[in-house]
Protein backbone atom coordinates (compact mmCIF):
# COMPACT_ATOMS: atom_id res chain seq x y z
CA UNK A 1 -15.84 114.62 -8.10
CA UNK A 2 -13.66 111.54 -7.72
CA UNK A 3 -10.88 110.64 -10.14
CA UNK A 4 -11.56 108.32 -13.03
CA UNK A 5 -10.38 104.71 -12.79
CA UNK A 6 -7.45 103.98 -15.06
CA UNK A 7 -8.39 100.37 -15.90
CA UNK A 8 -11.81 98.83 -16.56
CA UNK A 9 -12.80 95.22 -17.25
CA UNK A 10 -15.62 93.45 -19.06
CA UNK A 11 -18.58 91.98 -17.18
CA UNK A 12 -19.36 88.39 -18.16
CA UNK A 13 -21.42 85.84 -16.27
CA UNK A 14 -21.54 88.00 -13.14
CA UNK A 15 -17.75 88.51 -12.97
CA UNK A 16 -15.37 91.31 -13.97
CA UNK A 17 -12.80 89.82 -16.34
CA UNK A 18 -9.91 90.72 -18.62
CA UNK A 19 -10.02 89.99 -22.32
CA UNK A 20 -9.16 86.43 -23.31
CA UNK A 21 -6.05 87.64 -25.16
CA UNK A 22 -5.06 90.18 -22.51
CA UNK A 23 -5.22 93.14 -24.86
CA UNK A 24 -6.57 96.58 -23.96
CA UNK A 25 -8.19 99.56 -25.65
CA UNK A 26 -6.99 103.05 -24.80
CA UNK A 27 -9.77 105.50 -23.94
CA UNK A 28 -9.18 109.15 -24.89
CA UNK A 29 -10.50 112.43 -23.53
CA UNK A 30 -11.77 114.22 -26.68
CA UNK A 31 -11.29 117.62 -25.02
CA UNK A 32 -7.53 117.06 -24.71
CA UNK A 33 -6.80 114.21 -27.16
CA UNK A 34 -4.96 112.49 -24.32
CA UNK A 35 -5.55 108.95 -22.95
CA UNK A 36 -7.35 108.78 -19.61
CA UNK A 37 -7.93 105.06 -19.09
CA UNK A 38 -7.76 101.58 -20.58
CA UNK A 39 -10.45 98.95 -20.90
CA UNK A 40 -10.11 95.22 -21.48
CA UNK A 41 -10.52 94.48 -25.17
CA UNK A 42 -13.14 91.85 -25.91
CA UNK A 43 -12.49 89.66 -28.92
CA UNK A 44 -14.15 86.64 -30.47
CA UNK A 45 -13.44 84.34 -27.51
CA UNK A 46 -14.97 86.87 -25.12
CA UNK A 47 -18.06 87.14 -27.30
CA UNK A 48 -18.43 83.37 -27.08
CA UNK A 49 -18.14 83.50 -23.28
CA UNK A 50 -20.65 86.31 -22.96
CA UNK A 51 -23.23 84.70 -25.24
CA UNK A 52 -22.80 81.36 -23.46
CA UNK A 53 -23.33 83.06 -20.08
CA UNK A 54 -26.47 84.78 -21.36
CA UNK A 55 -27.77 81.49 -22.79
CA UNK A 56 -27.22 79.65 -19.53
CA UNK A 57 -29.02 82.37 -17.63
CA UNK A 58 -31.98 82.36 -19.98
CA UNK A 59 -32.37 78.60 -20.14
CA UNK A 60 -32.12 78.38 -16.36
CA UNK A 61 -35.04 80.80 -16.10
CA UNK A 62 -33.03 83.34 -14.11
CA UNK A 63 -35.47 86.07 -15.17
CA UNK A 64 -38.41 84.20 -16.69
CA UNK A 65 -38.63 82.15 -13.50
CA UNK A 66 -39.33 85.28 -11.50
CA UNK A 67 -42.85 86.54 -11.11
CA UNK A 68 -43.26 89.72 -13.18
CA UNK A 69 -43.63 91.76 -9.99
CA UNK A 70 -40.29 90.34 -8.80
CA UNK A 71 -38.65 91.39 -12.08
CA UNK A 72 -40.13 94.83 -11.52
CA UNK A 73 -38.66 95.02 -8.02
CA UNK A 74 -35.27 93.97 -9.39
CA UNK A 75 -35.41 96.75 -11.99
CA UNK A 76 -36.35 99.30 -9.35
CA UNK A 77 -33.22 98.27 -7.45
CA UNK A 78 -31.11 98.81 -10.58
CA UNK A 79 -32.63 102.29 -10.89
CA UNK A 80 -31.76 103.09 -7.29
CA UNK A 81 -28.16 101.96 -7.81
CA UNK A 82 -27.90 104.09 -10.94
CA UNK A 83 -29.05 107.15 -9.00
CA UNK A 84 -26.29 106.47 -6.47
CA UNK A 85 -23.75 106.43 -9.30
CA UNK A 86 -24.76 109.83 -10.70
CA UNK A 87 -21.45 111.55 -10.01
CA UNK A 88 -19.32 108.63 -11.22
CA UNK A 89 -21.34 108.45 -14.44
CA UNK A 90 -21.09 112.22 -14.89
CA UNK A 91 -17.32 112.16 -14.59
CA UNK A 92 -17.01 109.24 -17.00
CA UNK A 93 -19.23 110.91 -19.61
CA UNK A 94 -17.41 114.23 -19.30
CA UNK A 95 -14.02 112.64 -19.72
CA UNK A 96 -14.45 109.81 -22.22
CA UNK A 97 -17.37 111.30 -24.18
CA UNK A 98 -16.81 115.04 -23.88
CA UNK A 99 -20.33 115.72 -22.63
CA UNK A 100 -20.96 118.98 -20.76
CA UNK A 101 -21.14 118.47 -17.01
CA UNK A 102 -24.79 119.44 -16.56
CA UNK A 103 -25.83 117.02 -19.30
CA UNK A 104 -23.51 114.33 -17.95
CA UNK A 105 -25.12 114.61 -14.52
CA UNK A 106 -28.49 113.90 -16.16
CA UNK A 107 -27.36 110.62 -17.73
CA UNK A 108 -27.60 108.29 -14.70
CA UNK A 109 -31.05 109.62 -13.66
CA UNK A 110 -32.24 109.23 -17.25
CA UNK A 111 -30.95 105.67 -17.35
CA UNK A 112 -32.66 105.04 -14.00
CA UNK A 113 -35.92 106.38 -15.43
CA UNK A 114 -35.90 103.66 -18.10
CA UNK A 115 -35.66 101.03 -15.39
CA UNK A 116 -38.48 102.52 -13.30
CA UNK A 117 -40.68 103.01 -16.36
CA UNK A 118 -40.25 99.50 -17.77
CA UNK A 119 -40.10 98.00 -14.29
CA UNK A 120 -43.57 99.43 -13.82
CA UNK A 121 -44.69 97.68 -17.01
CA UNK A 122 -43.09 94.30 -16.28
CA UNK A 123 -46.27 92.96 -14.64
CA UNK A 124 -48.63 94.57 -17.15
CA UNK A 125 -47.56 92.93 -20.40
CA UNK A 126 -50.49 90.63 -21.14
CA UNK A 127 -51.70 88.21 -23.75
CA UNK A 128 -55.31 87.91 -24.91
CA UNK A 129 -58.07 85.37 -25.28
CA UNK A 130 -59.30 84.59 -28.79
CA UNK A 131 -62.83 83.10 -29.03
CA UNK A 132 -62.98 79.95 -31.18
CA UNK A 133 -66.37 78.71 -30.11
CA UNK A 134 -67.66 75.91 -27.92
CA UNK A 135 -65.06 73.29 -26.97
CA UNK A 136 -62.00 75.48 -27.51
CA UNK A 137 -59.82 77.78 -25.44
CA UNK A 138 -57.29 79.93 -27.26
CA UNK A 139 -54.88 82.50 -25.83
CA UNK A 140 -51.63 84.28 -26.62
CA UNK A 141 -48.41 84.61 -24.61
CA UNK A 142 -45.86 87.44 -25.10
CA UNK A 143 -42.70 85.29 -24.95
CA UNK A 144 -39.11 86.63 -24.73
CA UNK A 145 -36.75 85.91 -27.61
CA UNK A 146 -33.89 84.57 -25.48
CA UNK A 147 -30.47 86.18 -25.88
CA UNK A 148 -30.58 89.80 -27.03
CA UNK A 149 -27.40 91.29 -28.52
CA UNK A 150 -27.32 95.06 -28.12
CA UNK A 151 -24.77 97.25 -29.89
CA UNK A 152 -24.60 100.65 -28.22
CA UNK A 153 -23.38 103.89 -29.89
CA UNK A 154 -20.84 106.28 -28.44
CA UNK A 155 -22.90 109.48 -28.29
CA UNK A 156 -25.21 108.63 -25.34
CA UNK A 157 -23.82 105.30 -24.13
CA UNK A 158 -25.40 104.71 -20.71
CA UNK A 159 -28.77 106.20 -21.63
CA UNK A 160 -29.14 104.20 -24.84
CA UNK A 161 -27.81 101.03 -23.22
CA UNK A 162 -30.36 101.40 -20.42
CA UNK A 163 -33.11 102.08 -22.94
CA UNK A 164 -32.81 98.67 -24.59
CA UNK A 165 -31.52 96.72 -21.59
CA UNK A 166 -34.50 97.70 -19.43
CA UNK A 167 -36.98 96.51 -22.07
CA UNK A 168 -35.12 93.24 -22.44
CA UNK A 169 -35.02 92.53 -18.71
CA UNK A 170 -38.66 93.51 -18.18
CA UNK A 171 -39.68 90.91 -20.76
CA UNK A 172 -37.33 88.16 -19.49
CA UNK A 173 -34.55 88.21 -22.09
CA UNK A 174 -30.86 87.84 -21.25
CA UNK A 175 -28.53 90.41 -22.76
CA UNK A 176 -25.04 90.91 -24.17
CA UNK A 177 -24.15 94.58 -24.63
CA UNK A 178 -21.27 95.59 -26.90
CA UNK A 179 -20.25 98.97 -25.52
CA UNK A 180 -18.66 101.62 -27.77
CA UNK A 181 -14.88 101.53 -27.75
CA UNK A 182 -14.71 105.33 -27.99
CA UNK A 183 -16.72 105.95 -24.80
CA UNK A 184 -17.30 102.70 -22.88
CA UNK A 185 -16.88 103.73 -19.26
CA UNK A 186 -20.43 104.67 -18.27
CA UNK A 187 -21.75 101.38 -19.66
CA UNK A 188 -19.41 99.60 -17.25
CA UNK A 189 -21.08 101.60 -14.48
CA UNK A 190 -24.47 100.38 -15.75
CA UNK A 191 -23.19 96.82 -15.35
CA UNK A 192 -21.98 97.75 -11.86
CA UNK A 193 -25.46 98.98 -10.97
CA UNK A 194 -26.94 95.70 -12.20
CA UNK A 195 -24.42 93.72 -10.15
CA UNK A 196 -25.14 95.71 -6.99
CA UNK A 197 -28.90 95.31 -7.51
CA UNK A 198 -28.62 91.52 -7.64
CA UNK A 199 -29.38 90.90 -11.31
CA UNK A 200 -28.79 87.15 -11.83
CA UNK A 201 -25.38 86.13 -13.14
CA UNK A 202 -25.34 86.05 -16.95
CA UNK A 203 -28.58 87.96 -17.41
CA UNK A 204 -26.53 91.09 -18.18
CA UNK A 205 -23.12 90.94 -19.85
CA UNK A 206 -21.10 93.97 -21.00
CA UNK A 207 -18.13 93.67 -23.32
CA UNK A 208 -16.05 96.34 -25.03
CA UNK A 209 -14.44 95.63 -28.35
CA UNK A 210 -14.05 96.92 -31.87
CA UNK A 211 -16.97 96.63 -34.24
CA UNK A 212 -14.87 94.86 -36.85
CA UNK A 213 -14.21 91.83 -34.62
CA UNK A 214 -16.24 91.77 -31.39
CA UNK A 215 -19.25 93.56 -32.86
CA UNK A 216 -19.28 91.47 -36.02
CA UNK A 217 -18.85 88.25 -34.03
CA UNK A 218 -21.70 89.18 -31.69
CA UNK A 219 -24.35 89.99 -34.31
CA UNK A 220 -23.46 86.87 -36.32
CA UNK A 221 -23.26 84.57 -33.28
CA UNK A 222 -25.42 81.41 -33.53
CA UNK A 223 -26.41 81.83 -29.87
CA UNK A 224 -28.04 85.23 -30.44
CA UNK A 225 -31.82 85.37 -30.91
CA UNK A 226 -32.44 89.12 -31.19
CA UNK A 227 -30.43 92.22 -32.13
CA UNK A 228 -30.80 95.85 -31.12
CA UNK A 229 -28.64 98.44 -32.87
CA UNK A 230 -28.40 102.21 -32.72
CA UNK A 231 -25.94 103.86 -35.06
CA UNK A 232 -25.14 104.66 -38.66
CA UNK A 233 -26.97 103.40 -41.73
CA UNK A 234 -23.79 101.78 -43.07
CA UNK A 235 -23.18 99.75 -39.90
CA UNK A 236 -26.88 98.96 -39.61
CA UNK A 237 -26.88 97.59 -43.14
CA UNK A 238 -23.92 95.33 -42.35
CA UNK A 239 -25.65 94.04 -39.21
CA UNK A 240 -28.83 93.36 -41.15
CA UNK A 241 -26.87 91.28 -43.66
CA UNK A 242 -25.50 89.17 -40.80
CA UNK A 243 -28.96 88.91 -39.22
CA UNK A 244 -30.50 87.86 -42.52
CA UNK A 245 -28.21 84.83 -42.70
CA UNK A 246 -29.83 83.47 -39.52
CA UNK A 247 -33.25 85.17 -39.78
CA UNK A 248 -32.71 87.06 -36.53
CA UNK A 249 -35.23 89.82 -35.70
CA UNK A 250 -33.76 93.30 -35.23
CA UNK A 251 -34.60 96.70 -33.84
CA UNK A 252 -32.74 99.30 -35.90
CA UNK A 253 -32.47 102.96 -34.90
CA UNK A 254 -30.28 104.53 -37.54
CA UNK A 255 -29.33 108.00 -38.75
CA UNK A 256 -31.25 111.13 -39.51
CA UNK A 257 -31.20 114.39 -41.46
CA UNK A 258 -34.05 115.98 -39.61
CA UNK A 259 -35.72 119.23 -40.63
CA UNK A 260 -37.58 121.85 -38.66
CA UNK A 261 -40.09 124.03 -40.50
CA UNK A 262 -40.49 127.65 -39.34
CA UNK A 263 -43.74 129.22 -40.55
CA UNK A 264 -44.15 133.03 -40.68
CA UNK A 265 -46.34 133.15 -37.56
CA UNK A 266 -43.87 131.21 -35.39
CA UNK A 267 -42.50 132.50 -32.10
CA UNK A 268 -39.01 133.23 -33.42
CA UNK A 269 -37.38 133.42 -29.99
CA UNK A 270 -38.63 129.93 -29.27
CA UNK A 271 -37.76 128.59 -32.73
CA UNK A 272 -34.18 129.88 -32.59
CA UNK A 273 -33.56 128.73 -29.02
CA UNK A 274 -35.06 125.31 -29.72
CA UNK A 275 -33.05 124.87 -32.92
CA UNK A 276 -29.86 125.72 -31.05
CA UNK A 277 -30.61 123.01 -28.50
CA UNK A 278 -31.36 120.62 -31.35
CA UNK A 279 -28.10 121.17 -33.23
CA UNK A 280 -25.53 122.10 -30.58
CA UNK A 281 -26.39 119.64 -27.80
CA UNK A 282 -23.59 117.10 -27.52
CA UNK A 283 -21.84 119.04 -30.31
CA UNK A 284 -24.52 117.93 -32.76
CA UNK A 285 -23.64 114.26 -32.30
CA UNK A 286 -27.27 113.14 -32.02
CA UNK A 287 -29.15 111.02 -34.53
CA UNK A 288 -32.22 113.24 -34.08
CA UNK A 289 -30.27 116.53 -34.33
CA UNK A 290 -32.01 119.54 -35.88
CA UNK A 291 -29.58 119.61 -38.79
CA UNK A 292 -31.84 121.39 -41.31
CA UNK A 293 -34.04 124.43 -40.75
CA UNK A 294 -36.57 125.35 -43.41
CA UNK A 295 -37.58 128.99 -42.95
CA UNK A 296 -40.31 130.94 -44.73
CA UNK A 297 -38.66 133.38 -47.08
CA UNK A 298 -40.35 136.40 -45.45
CA UNK A 299 -38.48 135.78 -42.18
CA UNK A 300 -35.42 133.95 -43.50
CA UNK A 301 -32.86 136.74 -43.03
CA UNK A 302 -34.11 137.65 -39.55
CA UNK A 303 -33.95 134.02 -38.41
CA UNK A 304 -30.42 133.61 -39.81
CA UNK A 305 -29.26 136.78 -38.03
CA UNK A 306 -30.69 135.50 -34.75
CA UNK A 307 -29.11 132.08 -35.23
CA UNK A 308 -25.70 133.58 -35.99
CA UNK A 309 -25.84 135.83 -32.93
CA UNK A 310 -26.83 132.85 -30.81
CA UNK A 311 -23.98 130.70 -32.20
CA UNK A 312 -21.38 133.40 -31.65
CA UNK A 313 -22.38 133.63 -28.00
CA UNK A 314 -21.67 129.95 -27.30
CA UNK A 315 -18.80 129.13 -24.96
CA UNK A 316 -16.63 126.44 -26.55
CA UNK A 317 -14.63 124.18 -24.25
CA UNK A 318 -14.33 120.93 -22.30
CA UNK A 319 -17.44 119.30 -20.93
CA UNK A 320 -15.99 119.23 -17.42
CA UNK A 321 -16.20 123.05 -17.48
CA UNK A 322 -19.89 122.83 -18.46
CA UNK A 323 -19.15 124.58 -21.75
CA UNK A 324 -21.98 125.27 -24.20
CA UNK A 325 -20.28 123.54 -27.13
CA UNK A 326 -18.12 120.53 -26.32
CA UNK A 327 -15.67 118.51 -28.46
CA UNK A 328 -16.43 115.97 -31.10
CA UNK A 329 -15.66 112.41 -30.06
CA UNK A 330 -12.45 111.88 -32.04
CA UNK A 331 -9.97 113.33 -34.51
CA UNK A 332 -11.56 111.19 -37.21
CA UNK A 333 -15.00 112.63 -36.49
CA UNK A 334 -13.62 116.17 -36.53
CA UNK A 335 -11.99 115.54 -39.92
CA UNK A 336 -15.27 114.14 -41.21
CA UNK A 337 -17.39 117.07 -40.05
CA UNK A 338 -14.93 119.68 -41.32
CA UNK A 339 -14.73 117.81 -44.61
CA UNK A 340 -18.49 118.10 -45.07
CA UNK A 341 -18.25 121.83 -44.38
CA UNK A 342 -15.47 122.36 -46.89
CA UNK A 343 -17.39 120.38 -49.51
CA UNK A 344 -20.53 122.42 -48.79
CA UNK A 345 -18.65 125.68 -49.32
CA UNK A 346 -17.16 124.35 -52.53
CA UNK A 347 -20.68 123.46 -53.73
CA UNK A 348 -21.83 127.05 -53.20
CA UNK A 349 -23.18 127.14 -49.66
CA UNK A 350 -22.16 130.13 -47.55
CA UNK A 351 -21.01 129.77 -43.95
CA UNK A 352 -22.80 132.59 -42.13
CA UNK A 353 -20.65 131.57 -39.17
CA UNK A 354 -18.15 128.81 -38.51
CA UNK A 355 -17.33 126.20 -41.12
CA UNK A 356 -13.97 125.09 -39.75
CA UNK A 357 -12.45 123.43 -36.71
CA UNK A 358 -11.48 125.60 -33.74
CA UNK A 359 -7.83 126.53 -34.44
CA UNK A 360 -4.84 126.35 -32.15
CA UNK A 361 -6.23 124.28 -29.31
CA UNK A 362 -5.93 120.65 -28.23
CA UNK A 363 -8.90 118.36 -28.53
CA UNK A 364 -11.45 117.87 -31.27
CA UNK A 365 -13.44 121.12 -31.33
CA UNK A 366 -15.59 122.26 -34.26
CA UNK A 367 -16.95 125.77 -34.59
CA UNK A 368 -20.74 126.11 -34.45
CA UNK A 369 -21.62 126.35 -38.12
CA UNK A 370 -24.61 127.80 -39.98
CA UNK A 371 -24.84 127.47 -43.75
CA UNK A 372 -27.09 129.58 -45.96
CA UNK A 373 -27.45 129.46 -49.73
CA UNK A 374 -28.09 125.75 -49.36
CA UNK A 375 -30.15 123.91 -51.97
CA UNK A 376 -31.94 120.60 -51.26
CA UNK A 377 -29.70 118.68 -53.66
CA UNK A 378 -26.45 119.59 -51.88
CA UNK A 379 -24.63 116.85 -50.01
CA UNK A 380 -24.64 118.88 -46.76
CA UNK A 381 -28.46 119.05 -47.03
CA UNK A 382 -28.87 115.32 -47.67
CA UNK A 383 -26.25 113.40 -45.66
CA UNK A 384 -25.92 113.06 -41.89
CA UNK A 385 -22.96 115.18 -40.74
CA UNK A 386 -23.16 114.38 -37.01
CA UNK A 387 -21.68 117.63 -35.82
CA UNK A 388 -22.71 121.20 -34.91
CA UNK A 389 -23.61 122.11 -38.49
CA UNK A 390 -26.98 123.63 -39.42
CA UNK A 391 -28.25 124.11 -42.98
CA UNK A 392 -30.87 126.86 -43.43
CA UNK A 393 -33.09 126.65 -46.51
CA UNK A 394 -35.86 129.09 -47.54
CA UNK A 395 -39.35 128.13 -48.71
CA UNK A 396 -42.44 129.95 -49.96
CA UNK A 397 -45.37 127.58 -49.45
CA UNK A 398 -46.13 124.77 -46.94
CA UNK A 399 -46.18 122.18 -49.71
CA UNK A 400 -42.65 123.18 -50.71
CA UNK A 401 -41.40 122.98 -47.11
CA UNK A 402 -42.90 119.53 -46.61
CA UNK A 403 -41.44 118.29 -49.89
CA UNK A 404 -37.96 119.50 -48.89
CA UNK A 405 -38.28 118.02 -45.39
CA UNK A 406 -39.32 114.65 -46.82
CA UNK A 407 -36.77 114.79 -49.64
CA UNK A 408 -33.94 112.76 -48.10
CA UNK A 409 -33.38 109.06 -47.51
CA UNK A 410 -33.96 109.61 -43.79
CA UNK A 411 -37.12 109.89 -41.71
CA UNK A 412 -36.24 109.92 -38.03
CA UNK A 413 -37.71 113.11 -36.57
CA UNK A 414 -39.00 116.46 -37.83
CA UNK A 415 -40.15 119.75 -36.31
CA UNK A 416 -42.79 122.42 -36.84
CA UNK A 417 -42.84 125.97 -35.48
CA UNK A 418 -46.19 127.77 -35.73
CA UNK A 419 -48.94 129.27 -33.59
CA UNK A 420 -51.58 127.85 -35.97
CA UNK A 421 -52.82 124.59 -34.49
CA UNK A 422 -54.49 123.50 -37.72
CA UNK A 423 -51.32 124.11 -39.73
CA UNK A 424 -49.27 122.24 -37.10
CA UNK A 425 -51.53 119.18 -37.27
CA UNK A 426 -51.68 119.15 -41.07
CA UNK A 427 -47.92 119.49 -41.40
CA UNK A 428 -47.19 116.83 -38.78
CA UNK A 429 -49.51 114.41 -40.59
CA UNK A 430 -47.65 114.85 -43.88
CA UNK A 431 -44.08 114.76 -42.56
CA UNK A 432 -42.41 111.37 -43.08
CA UNK A 433 -40.81 110.86 -39.69
CA UNK A 434 -41.11 108.59 -36.70
CA UNK A 435 -41.55 111.54 -34.34
CA UNK A 436 -42.64 115.14 -34.98
CA UNK A 437 -41.85 117.94 -32.53
CA UNK A 438 -44.11 120.99 -32.49
CA UNK A 439 -42.66 124.23 -31.05
CA UNK A 440 -39.97 122.38 -29.07
CA UNK A 441 -37.19 120.21 -30.45
CA UNK A 442 -36.74 117.07 -28.30
CA UNK A 443 -40.23 117.38 -26.81
CA UNK A 444 -41.32 114.03 -25.39
CA UNK A 445 -39.55 111.65 -23.06
CA UNK A 446 -39.10 108.05 -21.99
CA UNK A 447 -42.85 107.59 -22.42
CA UNK A 448 -43.00 108.56 -26.14
CA UNK A 449 -42.22 105.99 -28.90
CA UNK A 450 -39.06 106.77 -30.85
CA UNK A 451 -37.77 105.31 -34.08
CA UNK A 452 -37.39 105.88 -37.77
CA UNK A 453 -38.96 105.54 -41.17
CA UNK A 454 -37.19 104.96 -44.49
CA UNK A 455 -33.40 104.59 -44.04
CA UNK A 456 -33.65 105.75 -40.42
CA UNK A 457 -34.60 102.23 -39.39
CA UNK A 458 -37.57 100.35 -37.98
CA UNK A 459 -38.97 99.21 -34.68
CA UNK A 460 -39.58 101.53 -31.77
CA UNK A 461 -37.68 102.32 -28.60
CA UNK A 462 -39.18 104.18 -25.62
CA UNK A 463 -42.82 104.14 -24.58
CA UNK A 464 -45.03 101.13 -24.04
CA UNK A 465 -44.77 100.23 -27.71
CA UNK A 466 -41.08 99.37 -27.32
CA UNK A 467 -41.85 96.30 -25.22
CA UNK A 468 -43.48 94.66 -28.22
CA UNK A 469 -40.08 94.61 -29.96
CA UNK A 470 -38.67 92.37 -27.22
CA UNK A 471 -41.30 89.63 -27.26
CA UNK A 472 -42.81 87.30 -29.83
CA UNK A 473 -46.41 86.18 -29.72
CA UNK A 474 -47.00 82.53 -28.94
CA UNK A 475 -50.50 81.18 -29.56
CA UNK A 476 -51.93 78.30 -27.55
CA UNK A 477 -55.03 76.65 -29.01
CA UNK A 478 -56.76 73.98 -26.87
CA UNK A 479 -59.43 71.46 -27.83
CA UNK A 480 -61.11 70.68 -24.55
CA UNK A 481 -61.28 66.98 -23.61
CA UNK A 482 -64.80 65.64 -23.84
CA UNK A 483 -66.06 68.56 -25.90
CA UNK A 484 -68.70 67.72 -28.49
């Protein structure tokens, strides 16, 4: 693999540029806690430039002036360029994000898949005819919003940026992406792929800045027509306040405290392995992480023993070594996760394994943690921890399990483990979640709609349904000349 670049710029109006004030943001390797690169810091002036570039592109019809099939071909070219950048993206995500190498190598192909999927839909988004009777013709047009501001989180930066960017481009919007200051490098490579593919100048702009200035300025900007945000409930709430001032439509994919339910007839090997993937992937820094496991009391102890054995067998280390459990993104995040664990123990939960940071090593490593003795009212069972921390709770009856699963402010995803198809369907129907996994956590793909209920947000990403969040319906009603 090649070495990482030591300095990265923002991409505005088809050009790579420094920040208006010449300041930079240091980018750290979470596995070593050492700086690896710098990126130009975007501030309010840079936000203005990026939004202005996106507005010029949209009003000039840079994308809307293309036939839908031409937009599709453009998106296929972006996908091809992303595939060519697989190794560069993998290195960036290992070093600035901490992702394990095998997962990092999957990020560019996953991002490319969004562009091929939505590129294939670009010429299939249609309006409809509405019959009004003799003398009238009425039809609808799915029209783009204009300038879409997209605030990308740090846990899966290039994949989540591609997820919303591809929808926006397929529908003819221009975009300003605010990349995460903690792990911005792969989003720069997404911009590079767009540049190489010939995306019109200004249709895609990528800036990196802090949420408190660049992010706040972007979501409140008078030139923004549409906002997409993935991240915490607290930040989402602040963005919604800014959007409400200007009545700007939003797609909000927020946090989760997702529960899997293990019924007595479940395949326990599958349930344990799937739960491990759900809570330890990316060190648990996933909004749809399997952070709670509700286990029938008759098998509770056996499942806990299996989970503990599985956790103790994990290899903890840097992502570049393809370790099983990689670092948390920052010292602050490590303090936060360990703080939740200490509070959980103080409240009476028992750490069957883990519960503290990994001692005596550089970087931001947290032990894989499994809590038992957890009650539904405990903070660790109700709040999003965003780390490799699993809470196991027993239940006796399906109604009790469903009530516990639904008993938080969140409703992003949920899981069911059973061989009983009827029980699986009935449970899935009653779970309050935007997506329910049965017998495999993270089942689904680019094709399956994803989004939350309750405090986990609204709107849908992924799947055909996502396109509807990037257009607004325009109705055209015509009284025919000479009609009676």
